Protein backbone atom coordinates (compact mmCIF):
# COMPACT_ATOMS: atom_id res chain seq x y z
CA MET A 1 0.04 0.07 -0.07
CA ASN A 2 2.93 2.53 0.57
CA PHE A 3 4.56 1.49 -2.62
CA LEU A 4 1.15 2.77 -4.26
CA ILE A 5 0.70 5.91 -2.31
CA ASN A 6 4.24 6.86 -3.19
CA GLY A 7 3.74 6.40 -6.50
CA VAL A 8 0.51 8.27 -6.80
CA LEU A 9 1.84 10.98 -4.89
CA SER A 10 5.22 11.21 -7.27
CA VAL A 11 2.88 11.75 -10.32
CA THR A 12 3.34 15.35 -11.76
CA PRO A 13 0.98 17.47 -13.61
CA GLN A 14 3.43 17.00 -16.62
CA MET A 15 3.00 13.25 -16.19
CA LEU A 16 -0.61 13.24 -16.23
CA PHE A 17 -0.70 15.44 -19.36
CA MET A 18 1.76 13.09 -20.87
CA TYR A 19 -0.88 10.18 -20.10
CA VAL A 20 -3.72 12.00 -21.99
CA VAL A 21 -1.15 12.40 -24.86
CA GLY A 22 -0.31 8.63 -24.72
CA ILE A 23 -4.12 7.89 -24.64
CA PHE A 24 -4.87 10.37 -27.45
CA LEU A 25 -2.45 8.73 -29.66
CA ILE A 26 -3.89 5.34 -28.94
CA TRP A 27 -7.33 6.63 -29.67
CA LEU A 28 -6.44 8.14 -33.07
CA ALA A 29 -4.79 4.54 -33.94
CA VAL A 30 -7.70 2.68 -32.73
CA LYS A 31 -10.67 4.62 -33.40
CA LYS A 32 -9.63 6.54 -36.43
CA GLY A 33 -7.25 4.13 -37.97
CA CYS A 34 -4.43 6.88 -38.16
CA GLU A 35 -1.20 5.15 -38.77
CA PRO A 36 -1.99 2.62 -36.11
CA SER A 37 1.16 0.32 -36.16
CA LEU A 38 3.15 3.36 -34.96
CA LEU A 39 0.80 5.63 -33.09
CA LEU A 40 -0.39 2.98 -30.85
CA PRO A 41 3.03 1.61 -29.56
CA MET A 42 4.05 5.33 -29.31
CA GLY A 43 0.86 6.11 -27.24
CA PHE A 44 1.48 3.31 -24.75
CA GLY A 45 5.15 3.81 -24.81
CA ALA A 46 4.60 7.58 -23.89
CA ILE A 47 2.57 6.24 -20.85
CA LEU A 48 5.11 3.69 -19.79
CA VAL A 49 8.07 6.28 -19.77
CA ASN A 50 6.24 8.68 -17.59
CA LEU A 51 5.04 6.31 -14.78
CA PRO A 52 6.95 7.02 -11.48
CA ASP A 53 10.35 5.23 -10.95
CA THR A 54 9.56 3.38 -14.32
CA GLY A 55 11.25 0.38 -14.85
CA VAL A 56 11.70 1.01 -18.90
CA LEU A 57 14.25 3.83 -18.19
CA ASN A 58 17.66 3.76 -16.50
CA GLN A 59 17.53 3.48 -12.57
CA THR A 60 19.41 2.70 -9.72
CA MET A 61 18.25 -0.19 -7.73
CA SER A 62 19.07 -1.14 -4.26
CA GLY A 63 21.64 -3.88 -3.93
CA ILE A 64 21.92 -4.26 -7.76
CA GLY A 65 23.20 -0.79 -8.93
CA GLU A 66 22.38 1.31 -12.18
CA VAL A 67 20.18 -0.69 -14.59
CA THR A 68 19.35 0.29 -17.83
CA GLY A 69 15.55 -0.17 -18.89
CA ILE A 70 14.51 -2.00 -22.22
CA ILE A 71 13.09 1.32 -23.81
CA GLU A 72 16.27 3.25 -22.93
CA TRP A 73 18.41 0.20 -24.01
CA LEU A 74 16.25 0.29 -27.37
CA TYR A 75 16.88 3.60 -27.84
CA ASP A 76 20.37 3.84 -27.19
CA VAL A 77 21.11 0.69 -29.58
CA GLY A 78 18.41 1.16 -32.24
CA ILE A 79 18.37 4.90 -32.68
CA GLU A 80 21.03 6.91 -30.77
CA ALA A 81 24.01 5.12 -31.55
CA ALA A 82 23.64 4.03 -35.15
CA GLU A 83 19.94 5.38 -36.21
CA VAL A 84 19.51 1.41 -37.07
CA MET A 85 15.66 1.42 -37.29
CA PRO A 86 14.71 4.38 -39.25
CA ILE A 87 17.21 3.48 -41.70
CA LEU A 88 16.19 -0.48 -41.77
CA LEU A 89 12.45 0.79 -42.12
CA PHE A 90 13.72 2.19 -45.52
CA ILE A 91 14.03 -1.10 -47.03
CA GLY A 92 10.38 -2.21 -46.55
CA ILE A 93 9.15 0.99 -47.75
CA GLY A 94 11.20 0.62 -50.95
CA ALA A 95 10.11 -2.92 -51.52
CA MET A 96 6.35 -1.51 -51.16
CA ILE A 97 6.92 1.01 -53.94
CA ASP A 98 5.97 0.54 -57.45
CA PHE A 99 8.17 3.21 -59.35
CA GLY A 100 6.28 2.26 -62.81
CA PRO A 101 3.93 5.17 -62.72
CA LEU A 102 7.06 7.83 -62.21
CA LEU A 103 8.99 6.22 -64.81
CA SER A 104 6.38 6.02 -67.06
CA GLN A 105 5.91 9.86 -66.73
CA PRO A 106 9.21 11.54 -65.71
CA ILE A 107 7.79 14.83 -65.45
CA MET A 108 6.24 13.71 -62.07
CA PHE A 109 9.79 13.76 -60.57
CA LEU A 110 9.44 17.61 -60.47
CA PHE A 111 6.41 17.67 -58.31
CA GLY A 112 8.38 15.89 -55.46
CA ALA A 113 11.00 18.14 -55.61
CA ALA A 114 8.40 21.37 -55.60
CA ALA A 115 6.43 19.77 -52.60
CA GLN A 116 9.49 19.97 -50.21
CA PHE A 117 8.91 23.60 -50.21
CA GLY A 118 7.51 23.28 -46.67
CA ILE A 119 10.70 21.97 -45.30
CA PHE A 120 12.40 25.35 -45.84
CA VAL A 121 9.34 27.37 -44.83
CA ALA A 122 9.37 25.47 -41.63
CA ILE A 123 13.28 26.03 -41.25
CA CYS A 124 12.96 29.70 -41.40
CA ILE A 125 9.78 30.10 -38.99
CA ALA A 126 11.64 27.74 -36.51
CA ALA A 127 15.01 29.97 -36.93
CA ALA A 128 12.79 33.08 -36.53
CA LEU A 129 11.42 31.95 -33.44
CA GLY A 130 14.34 31.42 -31.62
CA PHE A 131 15.46 27.57 -32.20
CA ASP A 132 18.95 26.66 -32.70
CA LEU A 133 20.01 25.74 -36.12
CA LYS A 134 20.17 22.22 -35.40
CA ASP A 135 16.85 22.36 -34.19
CA ALA A 136 15.34 24.37 -36.88
CA ILE A 137 16.84 22.07 -39.39
CA SER A 138 15.47 19.23 -37.45
CA ILE A 139 11.93 20.71 -37.04
CA GLY A 140 11.94 21.86 -40.70
CA VAL A 141 12.28 18.15 -41.98
CA ILE A 142 8.79 17.52 -40.49
CA GLY A 143 7.88 18.88 -44.09
CA ALA A 144 9.24 16.05 -45.84
CA ALA A 145 6.04 14.42 -44.43
CA ASP A 146 8.35 11.11 -43.98
CA GLY A 147 8.26 9.98 -40.27
CA PRO A 148 11.20 7.84 -40.38
CA THR A 149 13.36 10.69 -42.18
CA SER A 150 12.15 13.13 -39.68
CA ILE A 151 13.41 10.80 -36.64
CA LEU A 152 16.73 10.07 -38.36
CA VAL A 153 17.49 13.84 -39.31
CA SER A 154 16.73 14.72 -35.86
CA GLN A 155 18.60 12.13 -34.05
CA ILE A 156 21.84 12.92 -36.30
CA MET A 157 21.38 16.67 -35.63
CA LYS A 158 21.10 15.76 -31.77
CA SER A 159 18.17 17.88 -31.63
CA ASP A 160 16.74 18.36 -28.00
CA TYR A 161 13.07 17.86 -29.59
CA VAL A 162 13.18 14.32 -31.10
CA GLY A 163 10.14 13.14 -29.34
CA ALA A 164 7.81 16.12 -30.14
CA ILE A 165 9.20 16.20 -33.80
CA ALA A 166 8.29 12.34 -34.13
CA VAL A 167 4.68 12.50 -32.65
CA VAL A 168 4.16 15.92 -34.67
CA ALA A 169 5.56 14.29 -38.13
CA TYR A 170 3.27 11.09 -37.57
CA SER A 171 0.50 13.06 -36.27
CA TYR A 172 0.18 15.18 -39.35
CA MET A 173 1.12 12.31 -41.72
CA ALA A 174 -2.11 10.76 -40.05
CA LEU A 175 -4.11 13.94 -40.54
CA VAL A 176 -2.97 14.54 -44.13
CA PRO A 177 -6.79 13.56 -45.47
CA ILE A 178 -8.00 16.35 -43.18
CA VAL A 179 -5.21 19.07 -43.93
CA GLN A 180 -4.17 18.53 -47.24
CA PRO A 181 -7.87 19.46 -48.85
CA LEU A 182 -7.92 22.60 -47.05
CA ALA A 183 -4.57 23.79 -48.51
CA ILE A 184 -5.36 22.75 -51.77
CA LYS A 185 -8.60 24.19 -52.18
CA LEU A 186 -7.00 27.43 -50.71
CA VAL A 187 -4.87 27.99 -53.92
CA THR A 188 -7.21 26.20 -56.51
CA THR A 189 -10.54 27.23 -58.61
CA LYS A 190 -13.09 24.52 -59.08
CA LYS A 191 -12.13 24.57 -62.77
CA GLU A 192 -8.63 23.93 -62.24
CA ARG A 193 -9.71 20.97 -60.05
CA ARG A 194 -11.99 19.57 -62.66
CA ILE A 195 -8.94 19.43 -65.26
CA HIS A 196 -8.93 16.13 -66.84
CA MET A 197 -5.68 14.20 -67.64
CA GLU A 198 -5.23 11.41 -69.89
CA TYR A 199 -2.82 8.54 -68.59
CA ARG A 200 -0.49 7.24 -71.39
CA PRO A 201 1.38 4.43 -69.63
CA GLY A 202 4.82 4.04 -71.24
CA ASN A 203 6.46 1.01 -71.68
CA VAL A 204 8.54 0.46 -68.58
CA SER A 205 10.79 -2.62 -69.07
CA LYS A 206 12.00 -4.89 -66.29
CA SER A 207 15.45 -3.57 -67.08
CA MET A 208 14.80 -0.38 -66.50
CA ARG A 209 12.89 -1.21 -63.30
CA ILE A 210 15.94 -2.90 -62.11
CA ALA A 211 18.37 -0.25 -63.34
CA PHE A 212 16.41 2.90 -61.78
CA PRO A 213 17.30 2.22 -58.03
CA ILE A 214 20.93 1.42 -58.88
CA VAL A 215 21.22 4.63 -61.04
CA VAL A 216 19.24 6.89 -58.36
CA THR A 217 21.65 5.55 -55.61
CA ILE A 218 24.79 6.49 -58.02
CA ILE A 219 23.57 9.77 -58.86
CA VAL A 220 22.16 10.95 -55.49
CA GLY A 221 25.39 9.25 -53.79
CA MET A 222 27.32 11.86 -55.87
CA ILE A 223 25.38 14.81 -55.27
CA ALA A 224 24.45 14.35 -51.69
CA PRO A 225 26.53 11.92 -49.95
CA MET A 226 25.01 12.17 -46.71
CA SER A 227 21.75 10.94 -48.30
CA VAL A 228 23.17 7.49 -49.15
CA ALA A 229 22.01 5.84 -46.13
CA LEU A 230 18.43 6.84 -46.73
CA VAL A 231 18.11 6.60 -50.55
CA GLY A 232 20.40 3.66 -50.63
CA PHE A 233 18.36 1.50 -48.30
CA LEU A 234 15.00 2.79 -50.07
CA MET A 235 16.47 1.66 -53.35
CA PHE A 236 17.90 -1.69 -52.17
CA GLY A 237 14.37 -2.54 -50.95
CA ASN A 238 12.79 -1.62 -54.46
CA LEU A 239 15.86 -3.70 -55.95
CA LEU A 240 14.38 -6.88 -53.90
CA ARG A 241 10.80 -6.06 -55.43
CA GLU A 242 11.80 -5.56 -58.82
CA CYS A 243 14.63 -8.04 -59.51
CA GLY A 244 12.12 -11.06 -59.59
CA VAL A 245 14.45 -13.61 -58.01
CA LEU A 246 14.09 -12.63 -54.41
CA ASN A 247 10.26 -12.47 -53.88
CA ASN A 248 10.37 -14.25 -50.36
CA LEU A 249 12.79 -11.23 -49.23
CA SER A 250 10.65 -8.96 -50.99
CA ASP A 251 7.58 -10.14 -49.00
CA THR A 252 9.31 -10.38 -45.75
CA ALA A 253 10.83 -6.76 -46.10
CA GLN A 254 7.41 -5.16 -47.03
CA ASN A 255 5.32 -7.32 -44.25
CA GLN A 256 7.61 -8.77 -41.11
CA LEU A 257 10.26 -6.24 -41.42
CA VAL A 258 8.40 -3.13 -41.59
CA ASN A 259 5.88 -4.32 -39.05
CA LEU A 260 8.64 -5.27 -36.61
CA ILE A 261 10.85 -2.10 -36.99
CA THR A 262 7.65 0.07 -36.84
CA LEU A 263 6.58 -1.44 -33.71
CA LEU A 264 9.84 -1.26 -32.11
CA LEU A 265 10.31 2.41 -33.37
CA GLY A 266 7.21 3.62 -32.18
CA ILE A 267 7.61 2.10 -28.62
CA THR A 268 11.40 3.22 -28.40
CA ILE A 269 10.77 6.99 -29.58
CA ALA A 270 8.58 7.18 -26.61
CA PHE A 271 11.93 7.57 -24.65
CA SER A 272 11.90 11.27 -25.88
CA MET A 273 8.49 11.60 -24.58
CA ARG A 274 9.40 12.08 -21.35
CA ALA A 275 7.19 14.60 -19.30
CA ASP A 276 10.30 16.81 -18.45
CA ALA A 277 11.63 16.64 -22.02
CA PHE A 278 8.21 16.77 -23.71
CA VAL A 279 5.81 19.24 -21.98
CA ARG A 280 7.13 22.40 -22.94
CA VAL A 281 6.13 25.57 -24.64
CA ASP A 282 8.40 24.79 -27.49
CA THR A 283 6.64 21.47 -28.08
CA VAL A 284 3.46 23.71 -28.99
CA MET A 285 5.42 25.80 -31.36
CA ILE A 286 7.02 22.81 -32.90
CA MET A 287 3.35 21.65 -33.58
CA ALA A 288 2.12 24.73 -35.07
CA ILE A 289 5.61 25.01 -37.33
CA GLY A 290 4.72 21.39 -38.44
CA LEU A 291 1.29 22.28 -39.40
CA ALA A 292 2.63 25.19 -41.42
CA ALA A 293 5.24 22.96 -43.26
CA PHE A 294 2.44 20.37 -44.10
CA VAL A 295 0.35 23.07 -45.68
CA PHE A 296 3.28 24.83 -47.44
CA ASP A 297 4.29 21.57 -49.08
CA SER A 298 0.85 21.23 -50.42
CA ILE A 299 0.64 24.87 -51.69
CA GLY A 300 4.15 24.62 -52.89
CA GLY A 301 3.64 21.63 -55.31
CA VAL A 302 0.22 23.26 -56.36
CA LEU A 303 1.67 26.57 -57.10
CA PHE A 304 4.42 24.88 -59.25
CA ALA A 305 1.89 22.84 -61.34
CA LYS A 306 -0.01 26.13 -62.06
CA ILE A 307 3.19 27.86 -63.11
CA LEU A 308 4.02 24.73 -65.53
CA ASN A 309 0.45 25.10 -66.92
CA LEU A 310 1.66 28.57 -68.30
CA PHE A 311 3.92 26.73 -70.54
CA LEU A 312 1.86 23.42 -71.34
CA LYS A 313 -0.43 23.01 -73.98
CA GLU A 314 -2.09 19.85 -72.19
CA LYS A 315 -2.95 21.41 -68.75
CA ILE A 316 -1.90 19.44 -65.82
CA ASN A 317 -4.46 19.11 -62.89
CA PRO A 318 -2.74 21.36 -60.25
CA MET A 319 -3.61 19.01 -57.51
CA ILE A 320 -1.34 16.76 -58.62
CA GLY A 321 1.44 19.09 -57.22
CA ALA A 322 -0.01 18.27 -53.68
CA ALA A 323 0.49 14.74 -54.47
CA GLY A 324 4.29 15.14 -54.44
CA ILE A 325 4.68 14.98 -50.65
CA SER A 326 5.91 11.74 -49.25
CA ALA A 327 2.82 10.49 -47.41
CA PHE A 328 2.49 7.44 -49.66
CA PRO A 329 -0.03 6.45 -50.73
CA MET A 330 -2.43 8.74 -48.86
CA SER A 331 -2.01 11.87 -50.39
CA ALA A 332 -2.50 10.43 -53.90
CA ARG A 333 -5.93 8.88 -52.55
CA VAL A 334 -6.54 12.40 -51.20
CA VAL A 335 -5.85 13.80 -54.65
CA GLN A 336 -8.06 11.51 -56.51
CA LYS A 337 -10.93 11.66 -54.04
CA LEU A 338 -11.00 15.61 -54.25
CA ALA A 339 -11.29 15.17 -58.26
CA SER A 340 -13.89 12.78 -58.17
CA GLU A 341 -15.89 14.99 -55.78
CA GLU A 342 -15.45 17.92 -58.16
CA GLU A 343 -16.47 15.80 -61.16
CA LYS A 344 -17.50 12.22 -61.34
CA GLY A 345 -15.38 10.12 -63.69
CA ASN A 346 -12.29 12.41 -63.56
CA ILE A 347 -9.64 9.64 -62.99
CA ILE A 348 -6.15 11.22 -62.30
CA LEU A 349 -4.80 8.68 -59.61
CA MET A 350 -1.97 7.48 -61.79
CA HIS A 351 -0.53 10.85 -62.21
CA ALA A 352 -0.98 11.41 -58.33
CA VAL A 353 0.69 7.93 -57.70
CA GLY A 354 3.49 9.14 -59.82
CA ALA A 355 4.01 12.22 -57.84
CA ASN A 356 3.60 10.60 -54.66
CA VAL A 357 6.56 7.93 -55.09
CA SER A 358 8.58 11.00 -56.58
CA GLY A 359 8.05 12.69 -53.01
CA GLN A 360 9.85 9.38 -51.36
CA ILE A 361 12.66 9.79 -53.29
CA ALA A 362 12.60 13.81 -52.89
CA SER A 363 12.14 13.70 -49.06
CA VAL A 364 15.17 11.36 -48.44
CA VAL A 365 17.21 13.40 -50.54
CA ALA A 366 16.21 16.62 -48.83
CA GLY A 367 16.93 14.71 -45.65
CA GLY A 368 20.24 14.03 -46.62
CA LEU A 369 20.97 17.52 -47.80
CA LEU A 370 19.81 19.04 -44.37
CA ILE A 371 22.05 16.47 -42.71
CA SER A 372 24.95 17.76 -44.93
CA LEU A 373 23.96 21.55 -44.24
CA GLY A 374 23.84 20.90 -40.43
CA ALA A 375 27.42 18.98 -40.48
CA GLN A 376 28.83 22.42 -42.45
CA TYR A 377 27.49 24.82 -40.18
CA LEU A 378 27.39 23.15 -36.56
């Protein structure tokens, strides 16, 4: 009974707040189906690490000495020491992606680049609000709309806000179906959203599919060496998919590997969600900056498409530009849904998918460039 009373008395208002945050993340996962494989373990982990004298963190035990708890050990080994888990996750992501729609319409590469606009807007906002450059860069990468990239960059940059960045990045990724339509409608007219696009699938040979991940890795490695861990593992996963002789490994990467790493990553990143590190005014500011990043990602892609239309005979539906973010395949589905709502039978899904997979490449390249920038100036 004394242990229970002491435990209850040790709970601070900040810890109580983190219990609410954890329960909210679990609710989003279970009730709303928002990134359940990550938000559920992250939410439960937020509760675990904020229990008084919790055994999942480093602690000193009478007669034993200092003991490293399981979550802290996973964090030290899997994230802090070598960023293992976020990088391994890219193998599974790469194995899931079909680059065919992108290869058949190479112009979609441009939208993946344009939709990273929110990264640089977020960095500028964070710097203007007084965040250190390492933290501003880490916060800005939320605009990549790519959870693993956000975690990896913030960890390499030794940001003080890894937990907040992870929660904000994945929360807004889950809220893409709510956030993105509002941003798209803000800068488009009904007439623009009704533009039809004819899909002409090119002849994407098996040789081209196999060569693509190899060529991309080499080119990106030459341009942005710090991106190799990100791009290389993404492309290796895609090579497993496309080579045709390692189907079992491809299936394992897409299913067992992704599920296991996502599960461990979610509960491990909760180490950075301890009340003393998370319940701060800065966290609220990061949430606001993260929202701005996602909004400007979409707006940047849409405006780029509208600029291209000034020079094109066959007009592009500007909503395609918004699909250039890395939230795959959610963003492509959002764009198609909006097109169908504006006019039944308007199918632009394959164009949106092409832009969406381009965003996967662009986000990891942007992450590598930001790491290089940080290494140069810090």
